[in-house]
Amino acid sequence: MITQNRRLTGIVLTVVLILLIPLIAMQFSSEWDWSPFDFLVMGILLLGTGLACELVLRKVKKTAYRVMIVAGILVALLLIWAELAVGIFGTPFAGS
């Protein structure tokens, strides 16, 4: 039980540390222009990805299935992130 809680704590701390990067960069550069909504969306996206991977690691027993499912989750994260960042698909989801 303690190990599972450590992994959840690690996921949350990792999300916070990743979100600190643009927050600190905004203080030193005018190129970063994130609103609080941007931080909220990215936090939800990262936390959801981490928790989904954790769920797969807890529930799926076969290693090959774990790897494929987690890889699919990570590909989905990267595609959504790219769409939100630069609109590579040109959907209204990116705000264009």
PDB file of N, CA and C in Angstrom:
ATOM      1  N   MET A   1       0.825  -1.200   0.000  1.00  0.00           N
ATOM      2  CA  MET A   1       0.000   0.000   0.000  1.00  0.00           C
ATOM      3  C   MET A   1       0.868   1.263   0.000  1.00  0.00           C
ATOM      4  N   ILE A   2       1.937   1.242   0.768  1.00  0.00           N
ATOM      5  CA  ILE A   2       2.798   2.414   0.845  1.00  0.00           C
ATOM      6  C   ILE A   2       3.473   2.671  -0.490  1.00  0.00           C
ATOM      7  N   THR A   3       3.871   1.608  -1.192  1.00  0.00           N
ATOM      8  CA  THR A   3       4.513   1.757  -2.496  1.00  0.00           C
ATOM      9  C   THR A   3       3.560   2.400  -3.496  1.00  0.00           C
ATOM     10  N   GLN A   4       2.291   1.997  -3.484  1.00  0.00           N
ATOM     11  CA  GLN A   4       1.314   2.573  -4.399  1.00  0.00           C
ATOM     12  C   GLN A   4       1.121   4.059  -4.114  1.00  0.00           C
ATOM     13  N   ASN A   5       1.090   4.426  -2.836  1.00  0.00           N
ATOM     14  CA  ASN A   5       0.938   5.833  -2.491  1.00  0.00           C
ATOM     15  C   ASN A   5       2.171   6.637  -2.886  1.00  0.00           C
ATOM     16  N   ARG A   6       3.334   6.021  -2.837  1.00  0.00           N
ATOM     17  CA  ARG A   6       4.550   6.714  -3.258  1.00  0.00           C
ATOM     18  C   ARG A   6       4.511   7.003  -4.756  1.00  0.00           C
ATOM     19  N   ARG A   7       3.990   6.050  -5.527  1.00  0.00           N
ATOM     20  CA  ARG A   7       3.900   6.281  -6.969  1.00  0.00           C
ATOM     21  C   ARG A   7       2.914   7.402  -7.271  1.00  0.00           C
ATOM     22  N   LEU A   8       1.799   7.440  -6.565  1.00  0.00           N
ATOM     23  CA  LEU A   8       0.833   8.518  -6.780  1.00  0.00           C
ATOM     24  C   LEU A   8       1.427   9.866  -6.383  1.00  0.00           C
ATOM     25  N   THR A   9       2.152   9.885  -5.278  1.00  0.00           N
ATOM     26  CA  THR A   9       2.833  11.112  -4.863  1.00  0.00           C
ATOM     27  C   THR A   9       3.861  11.524  -5.902  1.00  0.00           C
ATOM     28  N   GLY A  10       4.573  10.558  -6.454  1.00  0.00           N
ATOM     29  CA  GLY A  10       5.552  10.839  -7.501  1.00  0.00           C
ATOM     30  C   GLY A  10       4.913  11.413  -8.746  1.00  0.00           C
ATOM     31  N   ILE A  11       3.741  10.907  -9.103  1.00  0.00           N
ATOM     32  CA  ILE A  11       3.029  11.428 -10.275  1.00  0.00           C
ATOM     33  C   ILE A  11       2.648  12.884 -10.057  1.00  0.00           C
ATOM     34  N   VAL A  12       2.076  13.176  -8.906  1.00  0.00           N
ATOM     35  CA  VAL A  12       1.655  14.556  -8.614  1.00  0.00           C
ATOM     36  C   VAL A  12       2.861  15.491  -8.565  1.00  0.00           C
ATOM     37  N   LEU A  13       3.937  15.069  -7.915  1.00  0.00           N
ATOM     38  CA  LEU A  13       5.132  15.915  -7.844  1.00  0.00           C
ATOM     39  C   LEU A  13       5.756  16.131  -9.219  1.00  0.00           C
ATOM     40  N   THR A  14       5.725  15.120 -10.068  1.00  0.00           N
ATOM     41  CA  THR A  14       6.251  15.261 -11.422  1.00  0.00           C
ATOM     42  C   THR A  14       5.437  16.277 -12.217  1.00  0.00           C
ATOM     43  N   VAL A  15       4.117  16.224 -12.087  1.00  0.00           N
ATOM     44  CA  VAL A  15       3.264  17.194 -12.780  1.00  0.00           C
ATOM     45  C   VAL A  15       3.575  18.606 -12.305  1.00  0.00           C
ATOM     46  N   VAL A  16       3.713  18.772 -11.002  1.00  0.00           N
ATOM     47  CA  VAL A  16       4.027  20.103 -10.456  1.00  0.00           C
ATOM     48  C   VAL A  16       5.381  20.589 -10.967  1.00  0.00           C
ATOM     49  N   LEU A  17       6.381  19.722 -10.978  1.00  0.00           N
ATOM     50  CA  LEU A  17       7.712  20.122 -11.455  1.00  0.00           C
ATOM     51  C   LEU A  17       7.699  20.469 -12.941  1.00  0.00           C
ATOM     52  N   ILE A  18       6.945  19.715 -13.730  1.00  0.00           N
ATOM     53  CA  ILE A  18       6.854  20.031 -15.160  1.00  0.00           C
ATOM     54  C   ILE A  18       6.166  21.375 -15.370  1.00  0.00           C
ATOM     55  N   LEU A  19       5.136  21.655 -14.588  1.00  0.00           N
ATOM     56  CA  LEU A  19       4.427  22.930 -14.734  1.00  0.00           C
ATOM     57  C   LEU A  19       5.227  24.115 -14.188  1.00  0.00           C
ATOM     58  N   LEU A  20       6.220  23.837 -13.364  1.00  0.00           N
ATOM     59  CA  LEU A  20       7.087  24.924 -12.885  1.00  0.00           C
ATOM     60  C   LEU A  20       7.989  25.452 -13.989  1.00  0.00           C
ATOM     61  N   ILE A  21       8.278  24.633 -14.999  1.00  0.00           N
ATOM     62  CA  ILE A  21       9.167  25.056 -16.080  1.00  0.00           C
ATOM     63  C   ILE A  21       8.605  26.282 -16.807  1.00  0.00           C
ATOM     64  N   PRO A  22       7.372  26.232 -17.328  1.00  0.00           N
ATOM     65  CA  PRO A  22       6.868  27.442 -17.992  1.00  0.00           C
ATOM     66  C   PRO A  22       6.608  28.589 -17.019  1.00  0.00           C
ATOM     67  N   LEU A  23       6.269  28.255 -15.776  1.00  0.00           N
ATOM     68  CA  LEU A  23       6.032  29.314 -14.787  1.00  0.00           C
ATOM     69  C   LEU A  23       7.312  30.104 -14.529  1.00  0.00           C
ATOM     70  N   ILE A  24       8.419  29.420 -14.355  1.00  0.00           N
ATOM     71  CA  ILE A  24       9.706  30.091 -14.138  1.00  0.00           C
ATOM     72  C   ILE A  24      10.157  30.789 -15.421  1.00  0.00           C
ATOM     73  N   ALA A  25       9.951  30.149 -16.565  1.00  0.00           N
ATOM     74  CA  ALA A  25      10.362  30.747 -17.834  1.00  0.00           C
ATOM     75  C   ALA A  25       9.600  32.045 -18.107  1.00  0.00           C
ATOM     76  N   MET A  26       8.363  32.123 -17.663  1.00  0.00           N
ATOM     77  CA  MET A  26       7.576  33.350 -17.872  1.00  0.00           C
ATOM     78  C   MET A  26       8.183  34.528 -17.124  1.00  0.00           C
ATOM     79  N   GLN A  27       8.876  34.250 -16.034  1.00  0.00           N
ATOM     80  CA  GLN A  27       9.474  35.317 -15.243  1.00  0.00           C
ATOM     81  C   GLN A  27      10.695  35.921 -15.927  1.00  0.00           C
ATOM     82  N   PHE A  28      11.366  35.130 -16.773  1.00  0.00           N
ATOM     83  CA  PHE A  28      12.613  35.568 -17.377  1.00  0.00           C
ATOM     84  C   PHE A  28      12.539  35.813 -18.875  1.00  0.00           C
ATOM     85  N   SER A  29      11.425  35.464 -19.498  1.00  0.00           N
ATOM     86  CA  SER A  29      11.322  35.589 -20.943  1.00  0.00           C
ATOM     87  C   SER A  29       9.914  36.035 -21.322  1.00  0.00           C
ATOM     88  N   SER A  30       9.834  36.860 -22.349  1.00  0.00           N
ATOM     89  CA  SER A  30       8.522  37.300 -22.814  1.00  0.00           C
ATOM     90  C   SER A  30       7.943  36.348 -23.861  1.00  0.00           C
ATOM     91  N   GLU A  31       8.702  35.317 -24.236  1.00  0.00           N
ATOM     92  CA  GLU A  31       8.236  34.365 -25.236  1.00  0.00           C
ATOM     93  C   GLU A  31       7.181  33.414 -24.693  1.00  0.00           C
ATOM     94  N   TRP A  32       7.184  33.178 -23.403  1.00  0.00           N
ATOM     95  CA  TRP A  32       6.192  32.308 -22.789  1.00  0.00           C
ATOM     96  C   TRP A  32       5.011  33.166 -22.381  1.00  0.00           C
ATOM     97  N   ASP A  33       3.843  32.814 -22.872  1.00  0.00           N
ATOM     98  CA  ASP A  33       2.647  33.589 -22.542  1.00  0.00           C
ATOM     99  C   ASP A  33       1.516  32.622 -22.189  1.00  0.00           C
ATOM    100  N   TRP A  34       1.586  32.054 -21.000  1.00  0.00           N
ATOM    101  CA  TRP A  34       0.564  31.114 -20.552  1.00  0.00           C
ATOM    102  C   TRP A  34      -0.399  31.819 -19.614  1.00  0.00           C
ATOM    103  N   SER A  35      -1.671  31.544 -19.801  1.00  0.00           N
ATOM    104  CA  SER A  35      -2.688  32.047 -18.882  1.00  0.00           C
ATOM    105  C   SER A  35      -2.916  30.987 -17.804  1.00  0.00           C
ATOM    106  N   PRO A  36      -3.618  31.343 -16.743  1.00  0.00           N
ATOM    107  CA  PRO A  36      -3.945  30.322 -15.736  1.00  0.00           C
ATOM    108  C   PRO A  36      -4.728  29.148 -16.337  1.00  0.00           C
ATOM    109  N   PHE A  37      -5.547  29.410 -17.350  1.00  0.00           N
ATOM    110  CA  PHE A  37      -6.286  28.340 -18.012  1.00  0.00           C
ATOM    111  C   PHE A  37      -5.336  27.364 -18.701  1.00  0.00           C
ATOM    112  N   ASP A  38      -4.256  27.880 -19.293  1.00  0.00           N
ATOM    113  CA  ASP A  38      -3.264  27.013 -19.935  1.00  0.00           C
ATOM    114  C   ASP A  38      -2.620  26.074 -18.912  1.00  0.00           C
ATOM    115  N   PHE A  39      -2.291  26.615 -17.735  1.00  0.00           N
ATOM    116  CA  PHE A  39      -1.719  25.785 -16.685  1.00  0.00           C
ATOM    117  C   PHE A  39      -2.724  24.735 -16.218  1.00  0.00           C
ATOM    118  N   LEU A  40      -3.980  25.114 -16.109  1.00  0.00           N
ATOM    119  CA  LEU A  40      -5.022  24.179 -15.697  1.00  0.00           C
ATOM    120  C   LEU A  40      -5.172  23.042 -16.706  1.00  0.00           C
ATOM    121  N   VAL A  41      -5.250  23.391 -17.988  1.00  0.00           N
ATOM    122  CA  VAL A  41      -5.412  22.373 -19.029  1.00  0.00           C
ATOM    123  C   VAL A  41      -4.207  21.441 -19.055  1.00  0.00           C
ATOM    124  N   MET A  42      -3.017  21.985 -19.010  1.00  0.00           N
ATOM    125  CA  MET A  42      -1.821  21.141 -19.051  1.00  0.00           C
ATOM    126  C   MET A  42      -1.712  20.293 -17.790  1.00  0.00           C
ATOM    127  N   GLY A  43      -2.082  20.841 -16.646  1.00  0.00           N
ATOM    128  CA  GLY A  43      -2.072  20.061 -15.412  1.00  0.00           C
ATOM    129  C   GLY A  43      -3.035  18.891 -15.473  1.00  0.00           C
ATOM    130  N   ILE A  44      -4.240  19.141 -16.001  1.00  0.00           N
ATOM    131  CA  ILE A  44      -5.222  18.061 -16.150  1.00  0.00           C
ATOM    132  C   ILE A  44      -4.714  17.024 -17.139  1.00  0.00           C
ATOM    133  N   LEU A  45      -4.135  17.477 -18.231  1.00  0.00           N
ATOM    134  CA  LEU A  45      -3.619  16.557 -19.243  1.00  0.00           C
ATOM    135  C   LEU A  45      -2.497  15.685 -18.683  1.00  0.00           C
ATOM    136  N   LEU A  46      -1.547  16.287 -17.991  1.00  0.00           N
ATOM    137  CA  LEU A  46      -0.432  15.524 -17.429  1.00  0.00           C
ATOM    138  C   LEU A  46      -0.879  14.603 -16.293  1.00  0.00           C
ATOM    139  N   LEU A  47      -1.723  15.119 -15.408  1.00  0.00           N
ATOM    140  CA  LEU A  47      -2.198  14.306 -14.292  1.00  0.00           C
ATOM    141  C   LEU A  47      -3.062  13.152 -14.794  1.00  0.00           C
ATOM    142  N   GLY A  48      -3.920  13.418 -15.767  1.00  0.00           N
ATOM    143  CA  GLY A  48      -4.746  12.356 -16.334  1.00  0.00           C
ATOM    144  C   GLY A  48      -3.914  11.278 -16.991  1.00  0.00           C
ATOM    145  N   THR A  49      -2.871  11.686 -17.688  1.00  0.00           N
ATOM    146  CA  THR A  49      -1.978  10.715 -18.322  1.00  0.00           C
ATOM    147  C   THR A  49      -1.258   9.878 -17.273  1.00  0.00           C
ATOM    148  N   GLY A  50      -0.743  10.527 -16.262  1.00  0.00           N
ATOM    149  CA  GLY A  50      -0.049   9.797 -15.200  1.00  0.00           C
ATOM    150  C   GLY A  50      -0.960   8.830 -14.473  1.00  0.00           C
ATOM    151  N   LEU A  51      -2.172   9.262 -14.174  1.00  0.00           N
ATOM    152  CA  LEU A  51      -3.107   8.390 -13.471  1.00  0.00           C
ATOM    153  C   LEU A  51      -3.591   7.251 -14.363  1.00  0.00           C
ATOM    154  N   ALA A  52      -3.767   7.508 -15.653  1.00  0.00           N
ATOM    155  CA  ALA A  52      -4.153   6.442 -16.575  1.00  0.00           C
ATOM    156  C   ALA A  52      -3.051   5.389 -16.676  1.00  0.00           C
ATOM    157  N   CYS A  53      -1.804   5.827 -16.751  1.00  0.00           N
ATOM    158  CA  CYS A  53      -0.688   4.879 -16.786  1.00  0.00           C
ATOM    159  C   CYS A  53      -0.612   4.086 -15.481  1.00  0.00           C
ATOM    160  N   GLU A  54      -0.846   4.752 -14.371  1.00  0.00           N
ATOM    161  CA  GLU A  54      -0.851   4.066 -13.079  1.00  0.00           C
ATOM    162  C   GLU A  54      -1.957   3.016 -13.013  1.00  0.00           C
ATOM    163  N   LEU A  55      -3.125   3.344 -13.529  1.00  0.00           N
ATOM    164  CA  LEU A  55      -4.236   2.391 -13.558  1.00  0.00           C
ATOM    165  C   LEU A  55      -3.879   1.163 -14.394  1.00  0.00           C
ATOM    166  N   VAL A  56      -3.250   1.397 -15.534  1.00  0.00           N
ATOM    167  CA  VAL A  56      -2.821   0.276 -16.383  1.00  0.00           C
ATOM    168  C   VAL A  56      -1.805  -0.585 -15.647  1.00  0.00           C
ATOM    169  N   LEU A  57      -0.855   0.048 -14.978  1.00  0.00           N
ATOM    170  CA  LEU A  57       0.164  -0.720 -14.254  1.00  0.00           C
ATOM    171  C   LEU A  57      -0.438  -1.544 -13.122  1.00  0.00           C
ATOM    172  N   ARG A  58      -1.502  -1.057 -12.517  1.00  0.00           N
ATOM    173  CA  ARG A  58      -2.138  -1.796 -11.424  1.00  0.00           C
ATOM    174  C   ARG A  58      -3.054  -2.910 -11.920  1.00  0.00           C
ATOM    175  N   LYS A  59      -3.742  -2.688 -13.025  1.00  0.00           N
ATOM    176  CA  LYS A  59      -4.794  -3.623 -13.442  1.00  0.00           C
ATOM    177  C   LYS A  59      -4.368  -4.641 -14.487  1.00  0.00           C
ATOM    178  N   VAL A  60      -3.462  -4.273 -15.378  1.00  0.00           N
ATOM    179  CA  VAL A  60      -3.065  -5.174 -16.469  1.00  0.00           C
ATOM    180  C   VAL A  60      -1.866  -5.995 -16.011  1.00  0.00           C
ATOM    181  N   LYS A  61      -1.997  -7.316 -16.130  1.00  0.00           N
ATOM    182  CA  LYS A  61      -0.958  -8.207 -15.608  1.00  0.00           C
ATOM    183  C   LYS A  61       0.115  -8.559 -16.635  1.00  0.00           C
ATOM    184  N   LYS A  62      -0.235  -8.703 -17.904  1.00  0.00           N
ATOM    185  CA  LYS A  62       0.746  -9.095 -18.921  1.00  0.00           C
ATOM    186  C   LYS A  62       1.606  -7.899 -19.323  1.00  0.00           C
ATOM    187  N   THR A  63       2.898  -8.097 -19.306  1.00  0.00           N
ATOM    188  CA  THR A  63       3.835  -7.015 -19.592  1.00  0.00           C
ATOM    189  C   THR A  63       3.671  -6.470 -21.004  1.00  0.00           C
ATOM    190  N   ALA A  64       3.452  -7.328 -21.972  1.00  0.00           N
ATOM    191  CA  ALA A  64       3.312  -6.868 -23.360  1.00  0.00           C
ATOM    192  C   ALA A  64       2.089  -5.965 -23.508  1.00  0.00           C
ATOM    193  N   TYR A  65       0.995  -6.321 -22.852  1.00  0.00           N
ATOM    194  CA  TYR A  65      -0.211  -5.496 -22.916  1.00  0.00           C
ATOM    195  C   TYR A  65       0.012  -4.160 -22.204  1.00  0.00           C
ATOM    196  N   ARG A  66       0.713  -4.214 -21.073  1.00  0.00           N
ATOM    197  CA  ARG A  66       1.023  -2.979 -20.348  1.00  0.00           C
ATOM    198  C   ARG A  66       1.786  -2.005 -21.238  1.00  0.00           C
ATOM    199  N   VAL A  67       2.811  -2.521 -21.897  1.00  0.00           N
ATOM    200  CA  VAL A  67       3.659  -1.672 -22.739  1.00  0.00           C
ATOM    201  C   VAL A  67       2.841  -1.060 -23.877  1.00  0.00           C
ATOM    202  N   MET A  68       2.016  -1.871 -24.527  1.00  0.00           N
ATOM    203  CA  MET A  68       1.217  -1.356 -25.645  1.00  0.00           C
ATOM    204  C   MET A  68       0.202  -0.315 -25.197  1.00  0.00           C
ATOM    205  N   ILE A  69      -0.464  -0.557 -24.083  1.00  0.00           N
ATOM    206  CA  ILE A  69      -1.481   0.382 -23.608  1.00  0.00           C
ATOM    207  C   ILE A  69      -0.841   1.686 -23.151  1.00  0.00           C
ATOM    208  N   VAL A  70       0.241   1.587 -22.380  1.00  0.00           N
ATOM    209  CA  VAL A  70       0.924   2.801 -21.912  1.00  0.00           C
ATOM    210  C   VAL A  70       1.501   3.580 -23.094  1.00  0.00           C
ATOM    211  N   ALA A  71       2.032   2.884 -24.096  1.00  0.00           N
ATOM    212  CA  ALA A  71       2.531   3.569 -25.296  1.00  0.00           C
ATOM    213  C   ALA A  71       1.397   4.304 -25.998  1.00  0.00           C
ATOM    214  N   GLY A  72       0.230   3.685 -26.085  1.00  0.00           N
ATOM    215  CA  GLY A  72      -0.929   4.344 -26.686  1.00  0.00           C
ATOM    216  C   GLY A  72      -1.356   5.587 -25.914  1.00  0.00           C
ATOM    217  N   ILE A  73      -1.324   5.498 -24.590  1.00  0.00           N
ATOM    218  CA  ILE A  73      -1.664   6.653 -23.751  1.00  0.00           C
ATOM    219  C   ILE A  73      -0.666   7.785 -23.985  1.00  0.00           C
ATOM    220  N   LEU A  74       0.617   7.452 -24.066  1.00  0.00           N
ATOM    221  CA  LEU A  74       1.645   8.476 -24.273  1.00  0.00           C
ATOM    222  C   LEU A  74       1.560   9.100 -25.668  1.00  0.00           C
ATOM    223  N   VAL A  75       1.225   8.295 -26.671  1.00  0.00           N
ATOM    224  CA  VAL A  75       1.035   8.842 -28.020  1.00  0.00           C
ATOM    225  C   VAL A  75      -0.152   9.798 -28.025  1.00  0.00           C
ATOM    226  N   ALA A  76      -1.226   9.423 -27.339  1.00  0.00           N
ATOM    227  CA  ALA A  76      -2.391  10.314 -27.247  1.00  0.00           C
ATOM    228  C   ALA A  76      -2.013  11.624 -26.555  1.00  0.00           C
ATOM    229  N   LEU A  77      -1.224  11.546 -25.483  1.00  0.00           N
ATOM    230  CA  LEU A  77      -0.750  12.755 -24.795  1.00  0.00           C
ATOM    231  C   LEU A  77       0.023  13.653 -25.754  1.00  0.00           C
ATOM    232  N   LEU A  78       0.955  13.074 -26.493  1.00  0.00           N
ATOM    233  CA  LEU A  78       1.779  13.866 -27.405  1.00  0.00           C
ATOM    234  C   LEU A  78       0.953  14.494 -28.525  1.00  0.00           C
ATOM    235  N   LEU A  79      -0.017  13.756 -29.057  1.00  0.00           N
ATOM    236  CA  LEU A  79      -0.858  14.309 -30.124  1.00  0.00           C
ATOM    237  C   LEU A  79      -1.740  15.450 -29.615  1.00  0.00           C
ATOM    238  N   ILE A  80      -2.328  15.280 -28.446  1.00  0.00           N
ATOM    239  CA  ILE A  80      -3.157  16.345 -27.879  1.00  0.00           C
ATOM    240  C   ILE A  80      -2.299  17.551 -27.550  1.00  0.00           C
ATOM    241  N   TRP A  81      -1.126  17.335 -26.986  1.00  0.00           N
ATOM    242  CA  TRP A  81      -0.215  18.418 -26.646  1.00  0.00           C
ATOM    243  C   TRP A  81       0.205  19.187 -27.901  1.00  0.00           C
ATOM    244  N   ALA A  82       0.563  18.467 -28.957  1.00  0.00           N
ATOM    245  CA  ALA A  82       0.963  19.126 -30.198  1.00  0.00           C
ATOM    246  C   ALA A  82      -0.191  19.914 -30.803  1.00  0.00           C
ATOM    247  N   GLU A  83      -1.389  19.362 -30.742  1.00  0.00           N
ATOM    248  CA  GLU A  83      -2.547  20.072 -31.282  1.00  0.00           C
ATOM    249  C   GLU A  83      -2.829  21.342 -30.492  1.00  0.00           C
ATOM    250  N   LEU A  84      -2.744  21.254 -29.172  1.00  0.00           N
ATOM    251  CA  LEU A  84      -2.979  22.445 -28.351  1.00  0.00           C
ATOM    252  C   LEU A  84      -1.870  23.479 -28.521  1.00  0.00           C
ATOM    253  N   ALA A  85      -0.645  23.026 -28.733  1.00  0.00           N
ATOM    254  CA  ALA A  85       0.485  23.947 -28.824  1.00  0.00           C
ATOM    255  C   ALA A  85       0.529  24.678 -30.156  1.00  0.00           C
ATOM    256  N   VAL A  86       0.420  23.948 -31.263  1.00  0.00           N
ATOM    257  CA  VAL A  86       0.601  24.582 -32.571  1.00  0.00           C
ATOM    258  C   VAL A  86      -0.516  24.296 -33.562  1.00  0.00           C
ATOM    259  N   GLY A  87      -1.483  23.469 -33.201  1.00  0.00           N
ATOM    260  CA  GLY A  87      -2.589  23.201 -34.094  1.00  0.00           C
ATOM    261  C   GLY A  87      -2.206  22.427 -35.332  1.00  0.00           C
ATOM    262  N   ILE A  88      -1.479  21.320 -35.184  1.00  0.00           N
ATOM    263  CA  ILE A  88      -0.987  20.588 -36.344  1.00  0.00           C
ATOM    264  C   ILE A  88      -2.096  19.965 -37.172  1.00  0.00           C
ATOM    265  N   PHE A  89      -3.249  19.730 -36.581  1.00  0.00           N
ATOM    266  CA  PHE A  89      -4.355  19.139 -37.330  1.00  0.00           C
ATOM    267  C   PHE A  89      -5.378  20.176 -37.786  1.00  0.00           C
ATOM    268  N   GLY A  90      -5.304  21.387 -37.243  1.00  0.00           N
ATOM    269  CA  GLY A  90      -6.197  22.459 -37.653  1.00  0.00           C
ATOM    270  C   GLY A  90      -7.629  22.310 -37.149  1.00  0.00           C
ATOM    271  N   THR A  91      -7.802  21.658 -35.996  1.00  0.00           N
ATOM    272  CA  THR A  91      -9.143  21.478 -35.440  1.00  0.00           C
ATOM    273  C   THR A  91      -9.514  22.683 -34.576  1.00  0.00           C
ATOM    274  N   PRO A  92     -10.795  22.884 -34.325  1.00  0.00           N
ATOM    275  CA  PRO A  92     -11.205  23.963 -33.403  1.00  0.00           C
ATOM    276  C   PRO A  92     -10.742  23.716 -31.982  1.00  0.00           C
ATOM    277  N   PHE A  93     -10.357  22.483 -31.704  1.00  0.00           N
ATOM    278  CA  PHE A  93      -9.845  22.095 -30.382  1.00  0.00           C
ATOM    279  C   PHE A  93      -8.620  22.933 -30.020  1.00  0.00           C
ATOM    280  N   ALA A  94      -7.843  23.322 -31.033  1.00  0.00           N
ATOM    281  CA  ALA A  94      -6.623  24.107 -30.791  1.00  0.00           C
ATOM    282  C   ALA A  94      -6.909  25.600 -30.647  1.00  0.00           C
ATOM    283  N   GLY A  95      -8.134  25.992 -30.827  1.00  0.00           N
ATOM    284  CA  GLY A  95      -8.490  27.387 -30.668  1.00  0.00           C
ATOM    285  C   GLY A  95      -8.414  28.205 -31.937  1.00  0.00           C
ATOM    286  N   SER A  96      -8.287  27.535 -33.067  1.00  0.00           N
ATOM    287  CA  SER A  96      -8.200  28.282 -34.329  1.00  0.00           C
ATOM    288  C   SER A  96      -9.544  28.291 -35.037  1.00  0.00           C
TER     289      SER A  96
END
